[in-house]
PDB file of N, CA and C in Angstrom:
ATOM      1  N   MET A   1       9.792 -36.805  93.777  1.00  0.00           N
ATOM      2  CA  MET A   1      10.638 -37.814  94.358  1.00  0.00           C
ATOM      3  C   MET A   1      10.175 -39.167  93.822  1.00  0.00           C
ATOM      4  N   THR A   2      11.114 -39.945  93.333  1.00  0.00           N
ATOM      5  CA  THR A   2      10.794 -41.269  92.781  1.00  0.00           C
ATOM      6  C   THR A   2      11.087 -42.357  93.804  1.00  0.00           C
ATOM      7  N   THR A   3      10.157 -43.239  94.028  1.00  0.00           N
ATOM      8  CA  THR A   3      10.343 -44.347  94.896  1.00  0.00           C
ATOM      9  C   THR A   3      10.482 -45.587  94.066  1.00  0.00           C
ATOM     10  N   LEU A   4      11.578 -46.303  94.357  1.00  0.00           N
ATOM     11  CA  LEU A   4      11.872 -47.517  93.574  1.00  0.00           C
ATOM     12  C   LEU A   4      11.108 -48.688  94.193  1.00  0.00           C
ATOM     13  N   ALA A   5      10.534 -49.552  93.384  1.00  0.00           N
ATOM     14  CA  ALA A   5       9.850 -50.720  93.857  1.00  0.00           C
ATOM     15  C   ALA A   5      10.891 -51.793  94.146  1.00  0.00           C
ATOM     16  N   PRO A   6      10.692 -52.608  95.179  1.00  0.00           N
ATOM     17  CA  PRO A   6      11.641 -53.674  95.415  1.00  0.00           C
ATOM     18  C   PRO A   6      11.629 -54.710  94.295  1.00  0.00           C
ATOM     19  N   LEU A   7      12.734 -55.402  94.075  1.00  0.00           N
ATOM     20  CA  LEU A   7      12.752 -56.432  93.116  1.00  0.00           C
ATOM     21  C   LEU A   7      11.874 -57.608  93.516  1.00  0.00           C
ATOM     22  N   SER A   8      11.369 -58.281  92.536  1.00  0.00           N
ATOM     23  CA  SER A   8      10.629 -59.487  92.850  1.00  0.00           C
ATOM     24  C   SER A   8      11.625 -60.528  93.360  1.00  0.00           C
ATOM     25  N   SER A   9      11.102 -61.533  94.045  1.00  0.00           N
ATOM     26  CA  SER A   9      11.961 -62.577  94.576  1.00  0.00           C
ATOM     27  C   SER A   9      12.715 -63.291  93.462  1.00  0.00           C
ATOM     28  N   ARG A  10      12.054 -63.579  92.370  1.00  0.00           N
ATOM     29  CA  ARG A  10      12.698 -64.261  91.270  1.00  0.00           C
ATOM     30  C   ARG A  10      13.807 -63.407  90.637  1.00  0.00           C
ATOM     31  N   VAL A  11      13.519 -62.130  90.451  1.00  0.00           N
ATOM     32  CA  VAL A  11      14.522 -61.264  89.859  1.00  0.00           C
ATOM     33  C   VAL A  11      15.732 -61.094  90.766  1.00  0.00           C
ATOM     34  N   ALA A  12      15.482 -60.962  92.086  1.00  0.00           N
ATOM     35  CA  ALA A  12      16.591 -60.836  93.026  1.00  0.00           C
ATOM     36  C   ALA A  12      17.425 -62.122  93.053  1.00  0.00           C
ATOM     37  N   LEU A  13      16.785 -63.271  93.076  1.00  0.00           N
ATOM     38  CA  LEU A  13      17.532 -64.513  93.060  1.00  0.00           C
ATOM     39  C   LEU A  13      18.335 -64.665  91.747  1.00  0.00           C
ATOM     40  N   ASP A  14      17.732 -64.384  90.646  1.00  0.00           N
ATOM     41  CA  ASP A  14      18.404 -64.495  89.356  1.00  0.00           C
ATOM     42  C   ASP A  14      19.592 -63.536  89.290  1.00  0.00           C
ATOM     43  N   ALA A  15      19.435 -62.336  89.809  1.00  0.00           N
ATOM     44  CA  ALA A  15      20.449 -61.298  89.687  1.00  0.00           C
ATOM     45  C   ALA A  15      21.616 -61.521  90.648  1.00  0.00           C
ATOM     46  N   PHE A  16      21.393 -62.065  91.845  1.00  0.00           N
ATOM     47  CA  PHE A  16      22.398 -62.089  92.880  1.00  0.00           C
ATOM     48  C   PHE A  16      22.834 -63.488  93.318  1.00  0.00           C
ATOM     49  N   PHE A  17      22.302 -64.556  92.714  1.00  0.00           N
ATOM     50  CA  PHE A  17      22.638 -65.900  93.092  1.00  0.00           C
ATOM     51  C   PHE A  17      24.150 -66.143  93.020  1.00  0.00           C
ATOM     52  N   LEU A  18      24.760 -65.878  91.898  1.00  0.00           N
ATOM     53  CA  LEU A  18      26.180 -66.189  91.727  1.00  0.00           C
ATOM     54  C   LEU A  18      27.059 -65.390  92.717  1.00  0.00           C
ATOM     55  N   GLU A  19      26.696 -64.147  92.975  1.00  0.00           N
ATOM     56  CA  GLU A  19      27.412 -63.348  93.936  1.00  0.00           C
ATOM     57  C   GLU A  19      27.332 -63.918  95.345  1.00  0.00           C
ATOM     58  N   ALA A  20      26.122 -64.346  95.707  1.00  0.00           N
ATOM     59  CA  ALA A  20      25.917 -64.963  97.049  1.00  0.00           C
ATOM     60  C   ALA A  20      26.711 -66.270  97.126  1.00  0.00           C
ATOM     61  N   ARG A  21      26.637 -67.054  96.087  1.00  0.00           N
ATOM     62  CA  ARG A  21      27.422 -68.328  96.045  1.00  0.00           C
ATOM     63  C   ARG A  21      28.904 -68.086  96.257  1.00  0.00           C
ATOM     64  N   CYS A  22      29.443 -67.068  95.603  1.00  0.00           N
ATOM     65  CA  CYS A  22      30.836 -66.715  95.737  1.00  0.00           C
ATOM     66  C   CYS A  22      31.202 -66.325  97.151  1.00  0.00           C
ATOM     67  N   LYS A  23      30.348 -65.498  97.768  1.00  0.00           N
ATOM     68  CA  LYS A  23      30.581 -65.041  99.136  1.00  0.00           C
ATOM     69  C   LYS A  23      30.532 -66.203 100.105  1.00  0.00           C
ATOM     70  N   LEU A  24      29.597 -67.120  99.846  1.00  0.00           N
ATOM     71  CA  LEU A  24      29.501 -68.302 100.757  1.00  0.00           C
ATOM     72  C   LEU A  24      30.710 -69.182 100.607  1.00  0.00           C
ATOM     73  N   LEU A  25      31.210 -69.368  99.384  1.00  0.00           N
ATOM     74  CA  LEU A  25      32.410 -70.153  99.163  1.00  0.00           C
ATOM     75  C   LEU A  25      33.599 -69.520  99.834  1.00  0.00           C
ATOM     76  N   ASP A  26      33.718 -68.163  99.741  1.00  0.00           N
ATOM     77  CA  ASP A  26      34.799 -67.484 100.425  1.00  0.00           C
ATOM     78  C   ASP A  26      34.801 -67.713 101.932  1.00  0.00           C
ATOM     79  N   LEU A  27      33.583 -67.602 102.493  1.00  0.00           N
ATOM     80  CA  LEU A  27      33.438 -67.821 103.923  1.00  0.00           C
ATOM     81  C   LEU A  27      33.759 -69.254 104.328  1.00  0.00           C
ATOM     82  N   ALA A  28      33.334 -70.201 103.519  1.00  0.00           N
ATOM     83  CA  ALA A  28      33.648 -71.601 103.768  1.00  0.00           C
ATOM     84  C   ALA A  28      35.139 -71.851 103.707  1.00  0.00           C
ATOM     85  N   ALA A  29      35.821 -71.204 102.757  1.00  0.00           N
ATOM     86  CA  ALA A  29      37.265 -71.372 102.615  1.00  0.00           C
ATOM     87  C   ALA A  29      37.980 -70.768 103.813  1.00  0.00           C
ATOM     88  N   LEU A  30      37.508 -69.606 104.314  1.00  0.00           N
ATOM     89  CA  LEU A  30      38.087 -69.058 105.543  1.00  0.00           C
ATOM     90  C   LEU A  30      37.970 -70.004 106.697  1.00  0.00           C
ATOM     91  N   LEU A  31      36.747 -70.535 106.894  1.00  0.00           N
ATOM     92  CA  LEU A  31      36.559 -71.418 108.028  1.00  0.00           C
ATOM     93  C   LEU A  31      37.393 -72.689 107.849  1.00  0.00           C
ATOM     94  N   ASP A  32      37.572 -73.185 106.654  1.00  0.00           N
ATOM     95  CA  ASP A  32      38.432 -74.335 106.444  1.00  0.00           C
ATOM     96  C   ASP A  32      39.878 -74.007 106.769  1.00  0.00           C
ATOM     97  N   ARG A  33      40.363 -72.845 106.398  1.00  0.00           N
ATOM     98  CA  ARG A  33      41.733 -72.426 106.736  1.00  0.00           C
ATOM     99  C   ARG A  33      41.946 -72.336 108.264  1.00  0.00           C
ATOM    100  N   ILE A  34      40.958 -71.807 108.945  1.00  0.00           N
ATOM    101  CA  ILE A  34      41.038 -71.715 110.425  1.00  0.00           C
ATOM    102  C   ILE A  34      41.097 -73.145 111.006  1.00  0.00           C
ATOM    103  N   ASP A  35      40.231 -74.048 110.499  1.00  0.00           N
ATOM    104  CA  ASP A  35      40.238 -75.408 110.993  1.00  0.00           C
ATOM    105  C   ASP A  35      41.552 -76.149 110.759  1.00  0.00           C
ATOM    106  N   ARG A  36      42.086 -75.925 109.552  1.00  0.00           N
ATOM    107  CA  ARG A  36      43.373 -76.598 109.188  1.00  0.00           C
ATOM    108  C   ARG A  36      44.514 -76.043 110.013  1.00  0.00           C
ATOM    109  N   GLY A  37      44.384 -74.852 110.531  1.00  0.00           N
ATOM    110  CA  GLY A  37      45.441 -74.289 111.384  1.00  0.00           C
ATOM    111  C   GLY A  37      45.684 -75.058 112.636  1.00  0.00           C
ATOM    112  N   GLY A  38      44.625 -75.761 113.067  1.00  0.00           N
ATOM    113  CA  GLY A  38      44.719 -76.665 114.199  1.00  0.00           C
ATOM    114  C   GLY A  38      44.878 -76.045 115.553  1.00  0.00           C
ATOM    115  N   SER A  39      44.839 -74.730 115.628  1.00  0.00           N
ATOM    116  CA  SER A  39      45.036 -74.054 116.908  1.00  0.00           C
ATOM    117  C   SER A  39      43.752 -73.992 117.713  1.00  0.00           C
ATOM    118  N   ALA A  40      43.778 -74.563 118.881  1.00  0.00           N
ATOM    119  CA  ALA A  40      42.605 -74.515 119.739  1.00  0.00           C
ATOM    120  C   ALA A  40      42.339 -73.122 120.327  1.00  0.00           C
ATOM    121  N   GLU A  41      43.359 -72.253 120.268  1.00  0.00           N
ATOM    122  CA  GLU A  41      43.224 -70.919 120.901  1.00  0.00           C
ATOM    123  C   GLU A  41      42.157 -70.068 120.185  1.00  0.00           C
ATOM    124  N   VAL A  42      41.853 -70.330 118.964  1.00  0.00           N
ATOM    125  CA  VAL A  42      40.872 -69.492 118.247  1.00  0.00           C
ATOM    126  C   VAL A  42      39.482 -69.966 118.450  1.00  0.00           C
ATOM    127  N   ARG A  43      39.283 -71.161 119.006  1.00  0.00           N
ATOM    128  CA  ARG A  43      37.915 -71.670 119.213  1.00  0.00           C
ATOM    129  C   ARG A  43      37.080 -70.741 120.034  1.00  0.00           C
ATOM    130  N   ASN A  44      37.702 -70.038 120.994  1.00  0.00           N
ATOM    131  CA  ASN A  44      36.943 -69.148 121.884  1.00  0.00           C
ATOM    132  C   ASN A  44      37.117 -67.685 121.482  1.00  0.00           C
ATOM    133  N   ASP A  45      37.730 -67.450 120.329  1.00  0.00           N
ATOM    134  CA  ASP A  45      37.945 -66.043 119.849  1.00  0.00           C
ATOM    135  C   ASP A  45      36.539 -65.454 119.554  1.00  0.00           C
ATOM    136  N   PRO A  46      36.269 -64.230 120.113  1.00  0.00           N
ATOM    137  CA  PRO A  46      34.974 -63.662 119.922  1.00  0.00           C
ATOM    138  C   PRO A  46      34.618 -63.348 118.463  1.00  0.00           C
ATOM    139  N   ARG A  47      35.663 -63.099 117.646  1.00  0.00           N
ATOM    140  CA  ARG A  47      35.404 -62.835 116.223  1.00  0.00           C
ATOM    141  C   ARG A  47      34.853 -64.060 115.529  1.00  0.00           C
ATOM    142  N   LEU A  48      35.385 -65.226 115.823  1.00  0.00           N
ATOM    143  CA  LEU A  48      34.893 -66.490 115.277  1.00  0.00           C
ATOM    144  C   LEU A  48      33.480 -66.765 115.816  1.00  0.00           C
ATOM    145  N   GLY A  49      33.256 -66.442 117.071  1.00  0.00           N
ATOM    146  CA  GLY A  49      31.949 -66.580 117.676  1.00  0.00           C
ATOM    147  C   GLY A  49      30.914 -65.739 116.970  1.00  0.00           C
ATOM    148  N   ARG A  50      31.286 -64.510 116.577  1.00  0.00           N
ATOM    149  CA  ARG A  50      30.364 -63.647 115.886  1.00  0.00           C
ATOM    150  C   ARG A  50      30.054 -64.181 114.476  1.00  0.00           C
ATOM    151  N   ILE A  51      31.059 -64.739 113.818  1.00  0.00           N
ATOM    152  CA  ILE A  51      30.819 -65.347 112.513  1.00  0.00           C
ATOM    153  C   ILE A  51      29.808 -66.465 112.673  1.00  0.00           C
ATOM    154  N   ARG A  52      29.983 -67.286 113.692  1.00  0.00           N
ATOM    155  CA  ARG A  52      29.018 -68.396 113.906  1.00  0.00           C
ATOM    156  C   ARG A  52      27.628 -67.865 114.223  1.00  0.00           C
ATOM    157  N   GLN A  53      27.520 -66.778 115.024  1.00  0.00           N
ATOM    158  CA  GLN A  53      26.218 -66.184 115.284  1.00  0.00           C
ATOM    159  C   GLN A  53      25.598 -65.656 114.037  1.00  0.00           C
ATOM    160  N   ALA A  54      26.412 -65.036 113.192  1.00  0.00           N
ATOM    161  CA  ALA A  54      25.871 -64.466 111.927  1.00  0.00           C
ATOM    162  C   ALA A  54      25.333 -65.578 111.042  1.00  0.00           C
ATOM    163  N   LEU A  55      26.024 -66.714 110.998  1.00  0.00           N
ATOM    164  CA  LEU A  55      25.526 -67.846 110.237  1.00  0.00           C
ATOM    165  C   LEU A  55      24.203 -68.339 110.736  1.00  0.00           C
ATOM    166  N   GLU A  56      24.029 -68.322 112.091  1.00  0.00           N
ATOM    167  CA  GLU A  56      22.751 -68.742 112.633  1.00  0.00           C
ATOM    168  C   GLU A  56      21.659 -67.729 112.262  1.00  0.00           C
ATOM    169  N   LEU A  57      22.003 -66.446 112.254  1.00  0.00           N
ATOM    170  CA  LEU A  57      21.001 -65.445 111.886  1.00  0.00           C
ATOM    171  C   LEU A  57      20.567 -65.634 110.448  1.00  0.00           C
ATOM    172  N   LEU A  58      21.492 -66.046 109.587  1.00  0.00           N
ATOM    173  CA  LEU A  58      21.119 -66.273 108.202  1.00  0.00           C
ATOM    174  C   LEU A  58      20.055 -67.333 108.037  1.00  0.00           C
ATOM    175  N   HIS A  59      19.994 -68.309 108.935  1.00  0.00           N
ATOM    176  CA  HIS A  59      19.010 -69.368 108.894  1.00  0.00           C
ATOM    177  C   HIS A  59      17.625 -68.892 109.209  1.00  0.00           C
ATOM    178  N   GLU A  60      17.489 -67.787 109.913  1.00  0.00           N
ATOM    179  CA  GLU A  60      16.187 -67.311 110.336  1.00  0.00           C
ATOM    180  C   GLU A  60      15.409 -66.737 109.175  1.00  0.00           C
ATOM    181  N   ASP A  61      14.121 -66.869 109.209  1.00  0.00           N
ATOM    182  CA  ASP A  61      13.242 -66.337 108.200  1.00  0.00           C
ATOM    183  C   ASP A  61      12.773 -65.004 108.651  1.00  0.00           C
ATOM    184  N   SER A  62      13.620 -63.993 108.454  1.00  0.00           N
ATOM    185  CA  SER A  62      13.346 -62.632 108.998  1.00  0.00           C
ATOM    186  C   SER A  62      13.746 -61.611 107.953  1.00  0.00           C
ATOM    187  N   PRO A  63      12.958 -60.534 107.803  1.00  0.00           N
ATOM    188  CA  PRO A  63      13.307 -59.501 106.803  1.00  0.00           C
ATOM    189  C   PRO A  63      14.461 -58.605 107.207  1.00  0.00           C
ATOM    190  N   ASP A  64      14.937 -58.684 108.452  1.00  0.00           N
ATOM    191  CA  ASP A  64      15.932 -57.772 108.952  1.00  0.00           C
ATOM    192  C   ASP A  64      17.277 -58.482 109.258  1.00  0.00           C
ATOM    193  N   ARG A  65      17.575 -59.568 108.534  1.00  0.00           N
ATOM    194  CA  ARG A  65      18.814 -60.312 108.788  1.00  0.00           C
ATOM    195  C   ARG A  65      20.048 -59.411 108.623  1.00  0.00           C
ATOM    196  N   ALA A  66      20.064 -58.639 107.530  1.00  0.00           N
ATOM    197  CA  ALA A  66      21.256 -57.787 107.292  1.00  0.00           C
ATOM    198  C   ALA A  66      21.479 -56.810 108.427  1.00  0.00           C
ATOM    199  N   GLU A  67      20.445 -56.166 108.900  1.00  0.00           N
ATOM    200  CA  GLU A  67      20.573 -55.229 109.959  1.00  0.00           C
ATOM    201  C   GLU A  67      21.073 -55.937 111.251  1.00  0.00           C
ATOM    202  N   ARG A  68      20.515 -57.068 111.563  1.00  0.00           N
ATOM    203  CA  ARG A  68      20.880 -57.818 112.745  1.00  0.00           C
ATOM    204  C   ARG A  68      22.355 -58.245 112.696  1.00  0.00           C
ATOM    205  N   ILE A  69      22.807 -58.691 111.544  1.00  0.00           N
ATOM    206  CA  ILE A  69      24.219 -59.084 111.388  1.00  0.00           C
ATOM    207  C   ILE A  69      25.131 -57.870 111.483  1.00  0.00           C
ATOM    208  N   GLN A  70      24.710 -56.771 110.880  1.00  0.00           N
ATOM    209  CA  GLN A  70      25.479 -55.526 111.023  1.00  0.00           C
ATOM    210  C   GLN A  70      25.645 -55.148 112.492  1.00  0.00           C
ATOM    211  N   ARG A  71      24.606 -55.224 113.249  1.00  0.00           N
ATOM    212  CA  ARG A  71      24.649 -54.873 114.688  1.00  0.00           C
ATOM    213  C   ARG A  71      25.485 -55.866 115.405  1.00  0.00           C
ATOM    214  N   LEU A  72      25.498 -57.106 115.033  1.00  0.00           N
ATOM    215  CA  LEU A  72      26.336 -58.156 115.710  1.00  0.00           C
ATOM    216  C   LEU A  72      27.808 -57.780 115.586  1.00  0.00           C
ATOM    217  N   PHE A  73      28.216 -57.192 114.460  1.00  0.00           N
ATOM    218  CA  PHE A  73      29.592 -56.873 114.201  1.00  0.00           C
ATOM    219  C   PHE A  73      29.959 -55.427 114.590  1.00  0.00           C
ATOM    220  N   SER A  74      29.011 -54.672 115.102  1.00  0.00           N
ATOM    221  CA  SER A  74      29.179 -53.275 115.452  1.00  0.00           C
ATOM    222  C   SER A  74      29.384 -53.107 116.978  1.00  0.00           C
ATOM    223  N   LEU A  75      30.122 -52.102 117.283  1.00  0.00           N
ATOM    224  CA  LEU A  75      30.329 -51.722 118.715  1.00  0.00           C
ATOM    225  C   LEU A  75      29.268 -50.676 119.093  1.00  0.00           C
ATOM    226  N   GLU A  76      28.887 -50.677 120.366  1.00  0.00           N
ATOM    227  CA  GLU A  76      28.003 -49.671 120.827  1.00  0.00           C
ATOM    228  C   GLU A  76      28.674 -48.279 120.765  1.00  0.00           C
ATOM    229  N   TYR A  77      27.852 -47.265 120.540  1.00  0.00           N
ATOM    230  CA  TYR A  77      28.399 -45.906 120.464  1.00  0.00           C
ATOM    231  C   TYR A  77      28.952 -45.476 121.797  1.00  0.00           C
ATOM    232  N   ASP A  78      30.154 -44.890 121.771  1.00  0.00           N
ATOM    233  CA  ASP A  78      30.789 -44.345 122.977  1.00  0.00           C
ATOM    234  C   ASP A  78      31.198 -42.902 122.641  1.00  0.00           C
ATOM    235  N   PRO A  79      30.591 -41.936 123.255  1.00  0.00           N
ATOM    236  CA  PRO A  79      30.916 -40.533 122.955  1.00  0.00           C
ATOM    237  C   PRO A  79      32.307 -40.153 123.319  1.00  0.00           C
ATOM    238  N   HIS A  80      33.057 -41.006 124.059  1.00  0.00           N
ATOM    239  CA  HIS A  80      34.389 -40.682 124.497  1.00  0.00           C
ATOM    240  C   HIS A  80      35.475 -41.348 123.655  1.00  0.00           C
ATOM    241  N   TRP A  81      35.079 -42.015 122.596  1.00  0.00           N
ATOM    242  CA  TRP A  81      36.064 -42.634 121.706  1.00  0.00           C
ATOM    243  C   TRP A  81      37.031 -41.568 121.175  1.00  0.00           C
ATOM    244  N   GLU A  82      38.256 -41.918 121.057  1.00  0.00           N
ATOM    245  CA  GLU A  82      39.213 -41.054 120.414  1.00  0.00           C
ATOM    246  C   GLU A  82      39.120 -41.252 118.906  1.00  0.00           C
ATOM    247  N   ARG A  83      39.330 -40.165 118.195  1.00  0.00           N
ATOM    248  CA  ARG A  83      39.319 -40.215 116.718  1.00  0.00           C
ATOM    249  C   ARG A  83      40.466 -41.100 116.260  1.00  0.00           C
ATOM    250  N   PRO A  84      40.228 -42.045 115.339  1.00  0.00           N
ATOM    251  CA  PRO A  84      41.302 -42.921 114.871  1.00  0.00           C
ATOM    252  C   PRO A  84      42.364 -42.108 114.123  1.00  0.00           C
ATOM    253  N   GLN A  85      43.617 -42.542 114.308  1.00  0.00           N
ATOM    254  CA  GLN A  85      44.754 -41.863 113.638  1.00  0.00           C
ATOM    255  C   GLN A  85      45.092 -42.702 112.419  1.00  0.00           C
ATOM    256  N   PRO A  86      45.528 -42.000 111.340  1.00  0.00           N
ATOM    257  CA  PRO A  86      45.941 -42.725 110.140  1.00  0.00           C
ATOM    258  C   PRO A  86      47.143 -43.634 110.418  1.00  0.00           C
ATOM    259  N   ARG A  87      47.179 -44.792 109.754  1.00  0.00           N
ATOM    260  CA  ARG A  87      48.283 -45.726 109.918  1.00  0.00           C
ATOM    261  C   ARG A  87      49.476 -45.156 109.176  1.00  0.00           C
ATOM    262  N   THR A  88      50.637 -45.442 109.694  1.00  0.00           N
ATOM    263  CA  THR A  88      51.834 -45.057 108.937  1.00  0.00           C
ATOM    264  C   THR A  88      52.501 -46.359 108.470  1.00  0.00           C
ATOM    265  N   LEU A  89      52.956 -46.339 107.250  1.00  0.00           N
ATOM    266  CA  LEU A  89      53.589 -47.508 106.665  1.00  0.00           C
ATOM    267  C   LEU A  89      55.098 -47.500 107.024  1.00  0.00           C
ATOM    268  N   PRO A  90      55.622 -48.674 107.335  1.00  0.00           N
ATOM    269  CA  PRO A  90      57.059 -48.741 107.633  1.00  0.00           C
ATOM    270  C   PRO A  90      57.899 -48.404 106.380  1.00  0.00           C
ATOM    271  N   ASN A  91      59.035 -47.770 106.614  1.00  0.00           N
ATOM    272  CA  ASN A  91      59.947 -47.512 105.493  1.00  0.00           C
ATOM    273  C   ASN A  91      60.508 -48.809 104.986  1.00  0.00           C
ATOM    274  N   VAL A  92      60.410 -48.971 103.705  1.00  0.00           N
ATOM    275  CA  VAL A  92      60.929 -50.230 103.110  1.00  0.00           C
ATOM    276  C   VAL A  92      62.091 -49.944 102.270  1.00  0.00           C
TER     277      VAL A  92
END
């Protein structure tokens, strides 16, 4: 069994900086679109609240940020959930 060594900080930053920059710009553009919509009804939307919480988690100096953000957007396991049904497309 081969165990891979983690990338050095410099190699990780060099390899993924542009991808991270792109994702941050996408998120900023989404938040700008929401703000330009001018609707106060989304200010208390739990989805937007979770995005804000995730941004706060990104500020923390913690090795488990990805896991914590994944949990933030995940639902607790419920053994009684119904299996999702495939979506049907409308006839066009």
